[in-house]
Amino acid sequence: MGDLKFDAQPGQLEHPEPGNVYVTMSVSFSNQLRTEQHADPFQFVLRDGGGVKHTATFIQTCPLWSAVNVTAGAGYGPKCLVFQAAGDRPAGLVLAWTPRPGSGDYNIKLS
């Protein structure tokens, strides 16, 4: 994961909700298991500094990508993810990944 941008600039016709900004980042997948794994942008949510969880969205500068299956030993990415977040709270960002329903979240601290 890398290229984290808080208050990322969208296209001309795109605007976050009032009080929010866009947060973009790139993610890559490396399957080191023996079984195929699913990679989907909607497996991720961003918990902002206020504790609100936001689902993935897309903007012109960070287009939506299709879910894929990554076979054993393969890699995929980098792919862009974008979320909205509270504009006045850049600290405390956490990316939560839920690879399978009911599997629990992997929390990745971003700031």
PDB file of N, CA and C in Angstrom:
ATOM      1  N   MET A   1       0.838  -1.160   0.000  1.00  0.00           N
ATOM      2  CA  MET A   1       0.000   0.000   0.000  1.00  0.00           C
ATOM      3  C   MET A   1       0.892   1.234   0.000  1.00  0.00           C
ATOM      4  N   GLY A   2       0.463   2.258  -0.734  1.00  0.00           N
ATOM      5  CA  GLY A   2       1.247   3.474  -0.781  1.00  0.00           C
ATOM      6  C   GLY A   2       0.506   4.594  -1.457  1.00  0.00           C
ATOM      7  N   ASP A   3       1.217   5.662  -1.735  1.00  0.00           N
ATOM      8  CA  ASP A   3       0.679   6.846  -2.418  1.00  0.00           C
ATOM      9  C   ASP A   3      -0.537   7.443  -1.716  1.00  0.00           C
ATOM     10  N   LEU A   4      -0.539   7.462  -0.387  1.00  0.00           N
ATOM     11  CA  LEU A   4      -1.654   8.016   0.368  1.00  0.00           C
ATOM     12  C   LEU A   4      -1.742   9.518   0.141  1.00  0.00           C
ATOM     13  N   LYS A   5      -2.937   9.985  -0.247  1.00  0.00           N
ATOM     14  CA  LYS A   5      -3.179  11.415  -0.444  1.00  0.00           C
ATOM     15  C   LYS A   5      -4.460  11.803   0.283  1.00  0.00           C
ATOM     16  N   PHE A   6      -4.321  12.648   1.288  1.00  0.00           N
ATOM     17  CA  PHE A   6      -5.465  13.216   1.997  1.00  0.00           C
ATOM     18  C   PHE A   6      -5.829  14.503   1.289  1.00  0.00           C
ATOM     19  N   ASP A   7      -7.079  14.725   1.013  1.00  0.00           N
ATOM     20  CA  ASP A   7      -7.583  15.877   0.247  1.00  0.00           C
ATOM     21  C   ASP A   7      -7.126  15.793  -1.207  1.00  0.00           C
ATOM     22  N   ALA A   8      -7.258  14.585  -1.770  1.00  0.00           N
ATOM     23  CA  ALA A   8      -6.910  14.356  -3.179  1.00  0.00           C
ATOM     24  C   ALA A   8      -7.846  15.155  -4.077  1.00  0.00           C
ATOM     25  N   GLN A   9      -7.313  15.628  -5.169  1.00  0.00           N
ATOM     26  CA  GLN A   9      -8.092  16.464  -6.084  1.00  0.00           C
ATOM     27  C   GLN A   9      -8.880  15.588  -7.058  1.00  0.00           C
ATOM     28  N   PRO A  10     -10.211  15.782  -7.089  1.00  0.00           N
ATOM     29  CA  PRO A  10     -11.047  15.022  -8.009  1.00  0.00           C
ATOM     30  C   PRO A  10     -11.092  15.687  -9.382  1.00  0.00           C
ATOM     31  N   GLY A  11     -11.886  15.118 -10.281  1.00  0.00           N
ATOM     32  CA  GLY A  11     -12.142  15.753 -11.562  1.00  0.00           C
ATOM     33  C   GLY A  11     -12.992  17.006 -11.368  1.00  0.00           C
ATOM     34  N   GLN A  12     -13.195  17.753 -12.419  1.00  0.00           N
ATOM     35  CA  GLN A  12     -13.897  19.035 -12.331  1.00  0.00           C
ATOM     36  C   GLN A  12     -15.344  18.922 -11.872  1.00  0.00           C
ATOM     37  N   LEU A  13     -16.013  17.824 -12.172  1.00  0.00           N
ATOM     38  CA  LEU A  13     -17.434  17.696 -11.851  1.00  0.00           C
ATOM     39  C   LEU A  13     -17.695  16.886 -10.591  1.00  0.00           C
ATOM     40  N   GLU A  14     -16.658  16.455  -9.912  1.00  0.00           N
ATOM     41  CA  GLU A  14     -16.807  15.610  -8.732  1.00  0.00           C
ATOM     42  C   GLU A  14     -16.522  16.408  -7.463  1.00  0.00           C
ATOM     43  N   HIS A  15     -17.353  16.181  -6.453  1.00  0.00           N
ATOM     44  CA  HIS A  15     -17.183  16.885  -5.183  1.00  0.00           C
ATOM     45  C   HIS A  15     -17.548  15.943  -4.039  1.00  0.00           C
ATOM     46  N   PRO A  16     -16.741  15.912  -2.981  1.00  0.00           N
ATOM     47  CA  PRO A  16     -17.135  15.106  -1.818  1.00  0.00           C
ATOM     48  C   PRO A  16     -18.303  15.781  -1.101  1.00  0.00           C
ATOM     49  N   GLU A  17     -18.922  15.055  -0.195  1.00  0.00           N
ATOM     50  CA  GLU A  17     -19.988  15.627   0.619  1.00  0.00           C
ATOM     51  C   GLU A  17     -19.441  16.813   1.406  1.00  0.00           C
ATOM     52  N   PRO A  18     -20.288  17.793   1.756  1.00  0.00           N
ATOM     53  CA  PRO A  18     -19.813  18.943   2.535  1.00  0.00           C
ATOM     54  C   PRO A  18     -19.093  18.498   3.807  1.00  0.00           C
ATOM     55  N   GLY A  19     -17.928  19.070   4.051  1.00  0.00           N
ATOM     56  CA  GLY A  19     -17.111  18.749   5.218  1.00  0.00           C
ATOM     57  C   GLY A  19     -16.158  17.586   5.004  1.00  0.00           C
ATOM     58  N   ASN A  20     -16.289  16.884   3.885  1.00  0.00           N
ATOM     59  CA  ASN A  20     -15.423  15.742   3.595  1.00  0.00           C
ATOM     60  C   ASN A  20     -14.393  16.087   2.534  1.00  0.00           C
ATOM     61  N   VAL A  21     -13.380  15.249   2.455  1.00  0.00           N
ATOM     62  CA  VAL A  21     -12.376  15.313   1.392  1.00  0.00           C
ATOM     63  C   VAL A  21     -12.236  13.904   0.823  1.00  0.00           C
ATOM     64  N   TYR A  22     -11.581  13.816  -0.328  1.00  0.00           N
ATOM     65  CA  TYR A  22     -11.263  12.512  -0.884  1.00  0.00           C
ATOM     66  C   TYR A  22      -9.890  12.064  -0.377  1.00  0.00           C
ATOM     67  N   VAL A  23      -9.787  10.771  -0.084  1.00  0.00           N
ATOM     68  CA  VAL A  23      -8.531  10.152   0.318  1.00  0.00           C
ATOM     69  C   VAL A  23      -8.251   9.041  -0.696  1.00  0.00           C
ATOM     70  N   THR A  24      -7.089   9.114  -1.350  1.00  0.00           N
ATOM     71  CA  THR A  24      -6.724   8.078  -2.310  1.00  0.00           C
ATOM     72  C   THR A  24      -5.470   7.349  -1.842  1.00  0.00           C
ATOM     73  N   MET A  25      -5.329   6.131  -2.332  1.00  0.00           N
ATOM     74  CA  MET A  25      -4.155   5.311  -2.030  1.00  0.00           C
ATOM     75  C   MET A  25      -4.071   4.223  -3.081  1.00  0.00           C
ATOM     76  N   SER A  26      -2.908   3.600  -3.196  1.00  0.00           N
ATOM     77  CA  SER A  26      -2.785   2.455  -4.093  1.00  0.00           C
ATOM     78  C   SER A  26      -2.570   1.205  -3.257  1.00  0.00           C
ATOM     79  N   VAL A  27      -3.158   0.103  -3.728  1.00  0.00           N
ATOM     80  CA  VAL A  27      -3.013  -1.187  -3.055  1.00  0.00           C
ATOM     81  C   VAL A  27      -2.511  -2.213  -4.063  1.00  0.00           C
ATOM     82  N   SER A  28      -1.741  -3.156  -3.576  1.00  0.00           N
ATOM     83  CA  SER A  28      -1.254  -4.272  -4.382  1.00  0.00           C
ATOM     84  C   SER A  28      -1.497  -5.556  -3.606  1.00  0.00           C
ATOM     85  N   PHE A  29      -1.699  -6.623  -4.328  1.00  0.00           N
ATOM     86  CA  PHE A  29      -1.970  -7.916  -3.725  1.00  0.00           C
ATOM     87  C   PHE A  29      -0.887  -8.903  -4.144  1.00  0.00           C
ATOM     88  N   SER A  30      -0.423  -9.687  -3.193  1.00  0.00           N
ATOM     89  CA  SER A  30       0.547 -10.741  -3.459  1.00  0.00           C
ATOM     90  C   SER A  30       0.043 -11.990  -2.756  1.00  0.00           C
ATOM     91  N   ASN A  31      -0.413 -12.965  -3.528  1.00  0.00           N
ATOM     92  CA  ASN A  31      -0.983 -14.176  -2.943  1.00  0.00           C
ATOM     93  C   ASN A  31       0.124 -15.190  -2.672  1.00  0.00           C
ATOM     94  N   GLN A  32       0.444 -15.350  -1.394  1.00  0.00           N
ATOM     95  CA  GLN A  32       1.474 -16.301  -0.998  1.00  0.00           C
ATOM     96  C   GLN A  32       0.871 -17.533  -0.342  1.00  0.00           C
ATOM     97  N   LEU A  33      -0.439 -17.704  -0.552  1.00  0.00           N
ATOM     98  CA  LEU A  33      -1.124 -18.892  -0.049  1.00  0.00           C
ATOM     99  C   LEU A  33      -1.193 -19.941  -1.155  1.00  0.00           C
ATOM    100  N   ARG A  34      -1.672 -21.100  -0.821  1.00  0.00           N
ATOM    101  CA  ARG A  34      -1.784 -22.179  -1.812  1.00  0.00           C
ATOM    102  C   ARG A  34      -3.115 -22.155  -2.556  1.00  0.00           C
ATOM    103  N   THR A  35      -4.021 -21.314  -2.105  1.00  0.00           N
ATOM    104  CA  THR A  35      -5.341 -21.242  -2.721  1.00  0.00           C
ATOM    105  C   THR A  35      -5.565 -19.879  -3.361  1.00  0.00           C
ATOM    106  N   GLU A  36      -6.446 -19.848  -4.328  1.00  0.00           N
ATOM    107  CA  GLU A  36      -6.819 -18.607  -5.007  1.00  0.00           C
ATOM    108  C   GLU A  36      -7.497 -17.661  -4.016  1.00  0.00           C
ATOM    109  N   GLN A  37      -7.211 -16.367  -4.131  1.00  0.00           N
ATOM    110  CA  GLN A  37      -7.787 -15.373  -3.236  1.00  0.00           C
ATOM    111  C   GLN A  37      -8.497 -14.298  -4.059  1.00  0.00           C
ATOM    112  N   HIS A  38      -9.545 -13.722  -3.485  1.00  0.00           N
ATOM    113  CA  HIS A  38     -10.363 -12.722  -4.154  1.00  0.00           C
ATOM    114  C   HIS A  38      -9.890 -11.323  -3.753  1.00  0.00           C
ATOM    115  N   ALA A  39      -9.751 -10.432  -4.720  1.00  0.00           N
ATOM    116  CA  ALA A  39      -9.386  -9.032  -4.467  1.00  0.00           C
ATOM    117  C   ALA A  39     -10.488  -8.149  -5.041  1.00  0.00           C
ATOM    118  N   ASP A  40     -11.102  -7.340  -4.193  1.00  0.00           N
ATOM    119  CA  ASP A  40     -12.276  -6.565  -4.576  1.00  0.00           C
ATOM    120  C   ASP A  40     -12.202  -5.193  -3.898  1.00  0.00           C
ATOM    121  N   PRO A  41     -12.408  -4.096  -4.640  1.00  0.00           N
ATOM    122  CA  PRO A  41     -12.335  -2.778  -4.001  1.00  0.00           C
ATOM    123  C   PRO A  41     -13.386  -2.580  -2.909  1.00  0.00           C
ATOM    124  N   PHE A  42     -14.485  -3.333  -2.972  1.00  0.00           N
ATOM    125  CA  PHE A  42     -15.536  -3.174  -1.977  1.00  0.00           C
ATOM    126  C   PHE A  42     -15.323  -4.052  -0.744  1.00  0.00           C
ATOM    127  N   GLN A  43     -14.157  -4.684  -0.636  1.00  0.00           N
ATOM    128  CA  GLN A  43     -13.767  -5.388   0.582  1.00  0.00           C
ATOM    129  C   GLN A  43     -13.114  -4.413   1.576  1.00  0.00           C
ATOM    130  N   PHE A  44     -12.951  -3.160   1.161  1.00  0.00           N
ATOM    131  CA  PHE A  44     -12.254  -2.159   1.966  1.00  0.00           C
ATOM    132  C   PHE A  44     -13.211  -1.063   2.429  1.00  0.00           C
ATOM    133  N   VAL A  45     -12.989  -0.570   3.643  1.00  0.00           N
ATOM    134  CA  VAL A  45     -13.624   0.652   4.134  1.00  0.00           C
ATOM    135  C   VAL A  45     -12.536   1.492   4.792  1.00  0.00           C
ATOM    136  N   LEU A  46     -12.758   2.785   4.802  1.00  0.00           N
ATOM    137  CA  LEU A  46     -11.826   3.704   5.464  1.00  0.00           C
ATOM    138  C   LEU A  46     -12.502   4.280   6.693  1.00  0.00           C
ATOM    139  N   ARG A  47     -11.883   4.056   7.868  1.00  0.00           N
ATOM    140  CA  ARG A  47     -12.358   4.697   9.092  1.00  0.00           C
ATOM    141  C   ARG A  47     -11.627   6.015   9.212  1.00  0.00           C
ATOM    142  N   ASP A  48     -12.383   7.104   9.221  1.00  0.00           N
ATOM    143  CA  ASP A  48     -11.735   8.419   9.272  1.00  0.00           C
ATOM    144  C   ASP A  48     -11.402   8.800  10.707  1.00  0.00           C
ATOM    145  N   GLY A  49     -10.799   9.968  10.878  1.00  0.00           N
ATOM    146  CA  GLY A  49     -10.362  10.421  12.195  1.00  0.00           C
ATOM    147  C   GLY A  49     -11.488  10.617  13.180  1.00  0.00           C
ATOM    148  N   GLY A  50     -12.726  10.738  12.692  1.00  0.00           N
ATOM    149  CA  GLY A  50     -13.895  10.874  13.556  1.00  0.00           C
ATOM    150  C   GLY A  50     -14.551   9.547  13.887  1.00  0.00           C
ATOM    151  N   GLY A  51     -14.000   8.432  13.356  1.00  0.00           N
ATOM    152  CA  GLY A  51     -14.545   7.113  13.646  1.00  0.00           C
ATOM    153  C   GLY A  51     -15.633   6.656  12.689  1.00  0.00           C
ATOM    154  N   VAL A  52     -15.883   7.418  11.622  1.00  0.00           N
ATOM    155  CA  VAL A  52     -16.904   7.047  10.639  1.00  0.00           C
ATOM    156  C   VAL A  52     -16.267   6.182   9.560  1.00  0.00           C
ATOM    157  N   LYS A  53     -16.927   5.071   9.215  1.00  0.00           N
ATOM    158  CA  LYS A  53     -16.429   4.189   8.165  1.00  0.00           C
ATOM    159  C   LYS A  53     -17.073   4.556   6.831  1.00  0.00           C
ATOM    160  N   HIS A  54     -16.233   4.706   5.811  1.00  0.00           N
ATOM    161  CA  HIS A  54     -16.677   5.087   4.473  1.00  0.00           C
ATOM    162  C   HIS A  54     -16.353   3.960   3.496  1.00  0.00           C
ATOM    163  N   THR A  55     -17.318   3.638   2.623  1.00  0.00           N
ATOM    164  CA  THR A  55     -17.081   2.632   1.595  1.00  0.00           C
ATOM    165  C   THR A  55     -16.310   3.249   0.434  1.00  0.00           C
ATOM    166  N   ALA A  56     -15.714   2.389  -0.358  1.00  0.00           N
ATOM    167  CA  ALA A  56     -14.961   2.837  -1.530  1.00  0.00           C
ATOM    168  C   ALA A  56     -15.908   3.503  -2.526  1.00  0.00           C
ATOM    169  N   THR A  57     -15.382   4.472  -3.217  1.00  0.00           N
ATOM    170  CA  THR A  57     -16.110   5.166  -4.277  1.00  0.00           C
ATOM    171  C   THR A  57     -15.145   5.306  -5.445  1.00  0.00           C
ATOM    172  N   PHE A  58     -15.428   6.148  -6.390  1.00  0.00           N
ATOM    173  CA  PHE A  58     -14.480   6.387  -7.468  1.00  0.00           C
ATOM    174  C   PHE A  58     -14.597   7.830  -7.934  1.00  0.00           C
ATOM    175  N   ILE A  59     -13.498   8.319  -8.453  1.00  0.00           N
ATOM    176  CA  ILE A  59     -13.431   9.647  -9.052  1.00  0.00           C
ATOM    177  C   ILE A  59     -12.619   9.516 -10.333  1.00  0.00           C
ATOM    178  N   GLN A  60     -12.654  10.526 -11.135  1.00  0.00           N
ATOM    179  CA  GLN A  60     -11.987  10.477 -12.436  1.00  0.00           C
ATOM    180  C   GLN A  60     -10.504  10.145 -12.306  1.00  0.00           C
ATOM    181  N   THR A  61      -9.837  10.694 -11.311  1.00  0.00           N
ATOM    182  CA  THR A  61      -8.402  10.476 -11.139  1.00  0.00           C
ATOM    183  C   THR A  61      -8.078   9.150 -10.438  1.00  0.00           C
ATOM    184  N   CYS A  62      -9.104   8.427  -9.995  1.00  0.00           N
ATOM    185  CA  CYS A  62      -8.926   7.132  -9.318  1.00  0.00           C
ATOM    186  C   CYS A  62     -10.100   6.243  -9.718  1.00  0.00           C
ATOM    187  N   PRO A  63     -10.047   5.675 -10.925  1.00  0.00           N
ATOM    188  CA  PRO A  63     -11.197   4.905 -11.422  1.00  0.00           C
ATOM    189  C   PRO A  63     -11.413   3.605 -10.668  1.00  0.00           C
ATOM    190  N   LEU A  64     -12.666   3.163 -10.684  1.00  0.00           N
ATOM    191  CA  LEU A  64     -13.038   1.900 -10.067  1.00  0.00           C
ATOM    192  C   LEU A  64     -12.430   0.748 -10.856  1.00  0.00           C
ATOM    193  N   TRP A  65     -11.973  -0.285 -10.171  1.00  0.00           N
ATOM    194  CA  TRP A  65     -11.429  -1.467 -10.830  1.00  0.00           C
ATOM    195  C   TRP A  65     -12.282  -2.677 -10.502  1.00  0.00           C
ATOM    196  N   SER A  66     -12.231  -3.650 -11.374  1.00  0.00           N
ATOM    197  CA  SER A  66     -13.047  -4.856 -11.231  1.00  0.00           C
ATOM    198  C   SER A  66     -12.405  -5.828 -10.256  1.00  0.00           C
ATOM    199  N   ALA A  67     -13.253  -6.543  -9.531  1.00  0.00           N
ATOM    200  CA  ALA A  67     -12.776  -7.598  -8.642  1.00  0.00           C
ATOM    201  C   ALA A  67     -12.144  -8.708  -9.474  1.00  0.00           C
ATOM    202  N   VAL A  68     -11.114  -9.330  -8.919  1.00  0.00           N
ATOM    203  CA  VAL A  68     -10.410 -10.421  -9.600  1.00  0.00           C
ATOM    204  C   VAL A  68     -10.096 -11.518  -8.588  1.00  0.00           C
ATOM    205  N   ASN A  69      -9.746 -12.680  -9.110  1.00  0.00           N
ATOM    206  CA  ASN A  69      -9.193 -13.754  -8.290  1.00  0.00           C
ATOM    207  C   ASN A  69      -7.707 -13.826  -8.578  1.00  0.00           C
ATOM    208  N   VAL A  70      -6.908 -13.850  -7.529  1.00  0.00           N
ATOM    209  CA  VAL A  70      -5.452 -13.900  -7.644  1.00  0.00           C
ATOM    210  C   VAL A  70      -5.022 -15.321  -7.306  1.00  0.00           C
ATOM    211  N   THR A  71      -4.429 -15.998  -8.277  1.00  0.00           N
ATOM    212  CA  THR A  71      -4.034 -17.391  -8.075  1.00  0.00           C
ATOM    213  C   THR A  71      -2.805 -17.479  -7.164  1.00  0.00           C
ATOM    214  N   ALA A  72      -2.553 -18.670  -6.662  1.00  0.00           N
ATOM    215  CA  ALA A  72      -1.412 -18.907  -5.771  1.00  0.00           C
ATOM    216  C   ALA A  72      -0.115 -18.458  -6.441  1.00  0.00           C
ATOM    217  N   GLY A  73       0.663 -17.661  -5.731  1.00  0.00           N
ATOM    218  CA  GLY A  73       1.946 -17.179  -6.230  1.00  0.00           C
ATOM    219  C   GLY A  73       1.860 -15.952  -7.129  1.00  0.00           C
ATOM    220  N   ALA A  74       0.656 -15.502  -7.453  1.00  0.00           N
ATOM    221  CA  ALA A  74       0.481 -14.356  -8.364  1.00  0.00           C
ATOM    222  C   ALA A  74       0.346 -13.054  -7.589  1.00  0.00           C
ATOM    223  N   GLY A  75       0.470 -11.948  -8.311  1.00  0.00           N
ATOM    224  CA  GLY A  75       0.283 -10.626  -7.750  1.00  0.00           C
ATOM    225  C   GLY A  75      -0.672  -9.826  -8.615  1.00  0.00           C
ATOM    226  N   TYR A  76      -1.200  -8.751  -8.057  1.00  0.00           N
ATOM    227  CA  TYR A  76      -2.137  -7.887  -8.772  1.00  0.00           C
ATOM    228  C   TYR A  76      -1.993  -6.474  -8.234  1.00  0.00           C
ATOM    229  N   GLY A  77      -1.916  -5.514  -9.112  1.00  0.00           N
ATOM    230  CA  GLY A  77      -1.840  -4.120  -8.701  1.00  0.00           C
ATOM    231  C   GLY A  77      -0.523  -3.505  -9.105  1.00  0.00           C
ATOM    232  N   PRO A  78      -0.300  -2.272  -8.758  1.00  0.00           N
ATOM    233  CA  PRO A  78      -1.103  -1.469  -7.831  1.00  0.00           C
ATOM    234  C   PRO A  78      -2.402  -0.976  -8.462  1.00  0.00           C
ATOM    235  N   LYS A  79      -3.416  -0.845  -7.620  1.00  0.00           N
ATOM    236  CA  LYS A  79      -4.727  -0.343  -7.997  1.00  0.00           C
ATOM    237  C   LYS A  79      -5.101   0.784  -7.038  1.00  0.00           C
ATOM    238  N   CYS A  80      -5.762   1.770  -7.565  1.00  0.00           N
ATOM    239  CA  CYS A  80      -6.151   2.941  -6.773  1.00  0.00           C
ATOM    240  C   CYS A  80      -7.444   2.666  -6.007  1.00  0.00           C
ATOM    241  N   LEU A  81      -7.505   3.134  -4.763  1.00  0.00           N
ATOM    242  CA  LEU A  81      -8.728   3.150  -3.961  1.00  0.00           C
ATOM    243  C   LEU A  81      -9.000   4.587  -3.542  1.00  0.00           C
ATOM    244  N   VAL A  82     -10.266   4.966  -3.480  1.00  0.00           N
ATOM    245  CA  VAL A  82     -10.643   6.310  -3.026  1.00  0.00           C
ATOM    246  C   VAL A  82     -11.829   6.209  -2.076  1.00  0.00           C
ATOM    247  N   PHE A  83     -11.788   7.043  -1.048  1.00  0.00           N
ATOM    248  CA  PHE A  83     -12.837   7.119  -0.039  1.00  0.00           C
ATOM    249  C   PHE A  83     -13.070   8.583   0.293  1.00  0.00           C
ATOM    250  N   GLN A  84     -14.200   8.860   0.915  1.00  0.00           N
ATOM    251  CA  GLN A  84     -14.392  10.163   1.526  1.00  0.00           C
ATOM    252  C   GLN A  84     -13.999  10.049   2.995  1.00  0.00           C
ATOM    253  N   ALA A  85     -13.619  11.180   3.591  1.00  0.00           N
ATOM    254  CA  ALA A  85     -13.261  11.216   5.009  1.00  0.00           C
ATOM    255  C   ALA A  85     -13.504  12.625   5.520  1.00  0.00           C
ATOM    256  N   ALA A  86     -13.658  12.746   6.833  1.00  0.00           N
ATOM    257  CA  ALA A  86     -13.849  14.061   7.451  1.00  0.00           C
ATOM    258  C   ALA A  86     -12.656  14.956   7.129  1.00  0.00           C
ATOM    259  N   GLY A  87     -12.928  16.112   6.553  1.00  0.00           N
ATOM    260  CA  GLY A  87     -11.868  17.002   6.100  1.00  0.00           C
ATOM    261  C   GLY A  87     -11.055  17.636   7.203  1.00  0.00           C
ATOM    262  N   ASP A  88     -11.609  17.691   8.407  1.00  0.00           N
ATOM    263  CA  ASP A  88     -10.896  18.347   9.509  1.00  0.00           C
ATOM    264  C   ASP A  88     -10.148  17.358  10.403  1.00  0.00           C
ATOM    265  N   ARG A  89     -10.055  16.093   9.995  1.00  0.00           N
ATOM    266  CA  ARG A  89      -9.405  15.082  10.835  1.00  0.00           C
ATOM    267  C   ARG A  89      -8.486  14.180  10.017  1.00  0.00           C
ATOM    268  N   PRO A  90      -7.345  14.686   9.597  1.00  0.00           N
ATOM    269  CA  PRO A  90      -6.440  13.858   8.792  1.00  0.00           C
ATOM    270  C   PRO A  90      -5.718  12.776   9.592  1.00  0.00           C
ATOM    271  N   ALA A  91      -5.684  12.901  10.911  1.00  0.00           N
ATOM    272  CA  ALA A  91      -5.023  11.892  11.754  1.00  0.00           C
ATOM    273  C   ALA A  91      -6.016  10.790  12.103  1.00  0.00           C
ATOM    274  N   GLY A  92      -5.498   9.595  12.329  1.00  0.00           N
ATOM    275  CA  GLY A  92      -6.337   8.486  12.783  1.00  0.00           C
ATOM    276  C   GLY A  92      -6.997   7.690  11.675  1.00  0.00           C
ATOM    277  N   LEU A  93      -6.543   7.832  10.440  1.00  0.00           N
ATOM    278  CA  LEU A  93      -7.125   7.065   9.337  1.00  0.00           C
ATOM    279  C   LEU A  93      -6.726   5.595   9.436  1.00  0.00           C
ATOM    280  N   VAL A  94      -7.711   4.713   9.225  1.00  0.00           N
ATOM    281  CA  VAL A  94      -7.475   3.272   9.259  1.00  0.00           C
ATOM    282  C   VAL A  94      -8.181   2.647   8.063  1.00  0.00           C
ATOM    283  N   LEU A  95      -7.445   1.869   7.294  1.00  0.00           N
ATOM    284  CA  LEU A  95      -8.020   1.105   6.198  1.00  0.00           C
ATOM    285  C   LEU A  95      -8.384  -0.272   6.748  1.00  0.00           C
ATOM    286  N   ALA A  96      -9.656  -0.638   6.646  1.00  0.00           N
ATOM    287  CA  ALA A  96     -10.114  -1.941   7.117  1.00  0.00           C
ATOM    288  C   ALA A  96     -10.404  -2.824   5.909  1.00  0.00           C
ATOM    289  N   TRP A  97      -9.794  -4.003   5.890  1.00  0.00           N
ATOM    290  CA  TRP A  97      -9.972  -4.954   4.797  1.00  0.00           C
ATOM    291  C   TRP A  97     -10.655  -6.195   5.336  1.00  0.00           C
ATOM    292  N   THR A  98     -11.741  -6.589   4.710  1.00  0.00           N
ATOM    293  CA  THR A  98     -12.463  -7.804   5.060  1.00  0.00           C
ATOM    294  C   THR A  98     -12.403  -8.731   3.854  1.00  0.00           C
ATOM    295  N   PRO A  99     -11.429  -9.642   3.811  1.00  0.00           N
ATOM    296  CA  PRO A  99     -11.242 -10.472   2.620  1.00  0.00           C
ATOM    297  C   PRO A  99     -12.376 -11.453   2.352  1.00  0.00           C
ATOM    298  N   ARG A 100     -13.073 -11.898   3.399  1.00  0.00           N
ATOM    299  CA  ARG A 100     -14.203 -12.817   3.241  1.00  0.00           C
ATOM    300  C   ARG A 100     -15.268 -12.433   4.259  1.00  0.00           C
ATOM    301  N   PRO A 101     -16.546 -12.514   3.872  1.00  0.00           N
ATOM    302  CA  PRO A 101     -17.611 -12.222   4.839  1.00  0.00           C
ATOM    303  C   PRO A 101     -17.464 -13.078   6.090  1.00  0.00           C
ATOM    304  N   GLY A 102     -17.550 -12.430   7.234  1.00  0.00           N
ATOM    305  CA  GLY A 102     -17.444 -13.135   8.505  1.00  0.00           C
ATOM    306  C   GLY A 102     -16.016 -13.441   8.939  1.00  0.00           C
ATOM    307  N   SER A 103     -15.028 -13.024   8.144  1.00  0.00           N
ATOM    308  CA  SER A 103     -13.637 -13.350   8.485  1.00  0.00           C
ATOM    309  C   SER A 103     -13.009 -12.347   9.445  1.00  0.00           C
ATOM    310  N   GLY A 104     -13.673 -11.239   9.689  1.00  0.00           N
ATOM    311  CA  GLY A 104     -13.093 -10.199  10.517  1.00  0.00           C
ATOM    312  C   GLY A 104     -12.263  -9.261   9.672  1.00  0.00           C
ATOM    313  N   ASP A 105     -11.943  -8.103  10.239  1.00  0.00           N
ATOM    314  CA  ASP A 105     -11.209  -7.062   9.529  1.00  0.00           C
ATOM    315  C   ASP A 105      -9.721  -7.134   9.819  1.00  0.00           C
ATOM    316  N   TYR A 106      -8.936  -6.790   8.805  1.00  0.00           N
ATOM    317  CA  TYR A 106      -7.527  -6.484   8.990  1.00  0.00           C
ATOM    318  C   TYR A 106      -7.437  -4.977   8.971  1.00  0.00           C
ATOM    319  N   ASN A 107      -6.996  -4.377  10.078  1.00  0.00           N
ATOM    320  CA  ASN A 107      -6.925  -2.929  10.186  1.00  0.00           C
ATOM    321  C   ASN A 107      -5.504  -2.445   9.926  1.00  0.00           C
ATOM    322  N   ILE A 108      -5.388  -1.530   8.978  1.00  0.00           N
ATOM    323  CA  ILE A 108      -4.093  -0.988   8.574  1.00  0.00           C
ATOM    324  C   ILE A 108      -4.086   0.499   8.904  1.00  0.00           C
ATOM    325  N   LYS A 109      -3.270   0.906   9.887  1.00  0.00           N
ATOM    326  CA  LYS A 109      -3.205   2.316  10.274  1.00  0.00           C
ATOM    327  C   LYS A 109      -2.498   3.113   9.181  1.00  0.00           C
ATOM    328  N   LEU A 110      -3.135   4.203   8.759  1.00  0.00           N
ATOM    329  CA  LEU A 110      -2.582   5.029   7.696  1.00  0.00           C
ATOM    330  C   LEU A 110      -1.979   6.319   8.216  1.00  0.00           C
ATOM    331  N   SER A 111      -2.487   6.817   9.339  1.00  0.00           N
ATOM    332  CA  SER A 111      -1.940   8.060   9.902  1.00  0.00           C
ATOM    333  C   SER A 111      -2.046   8.047  11.406  1.00  0.00           C
TER     334      SER A 111
END
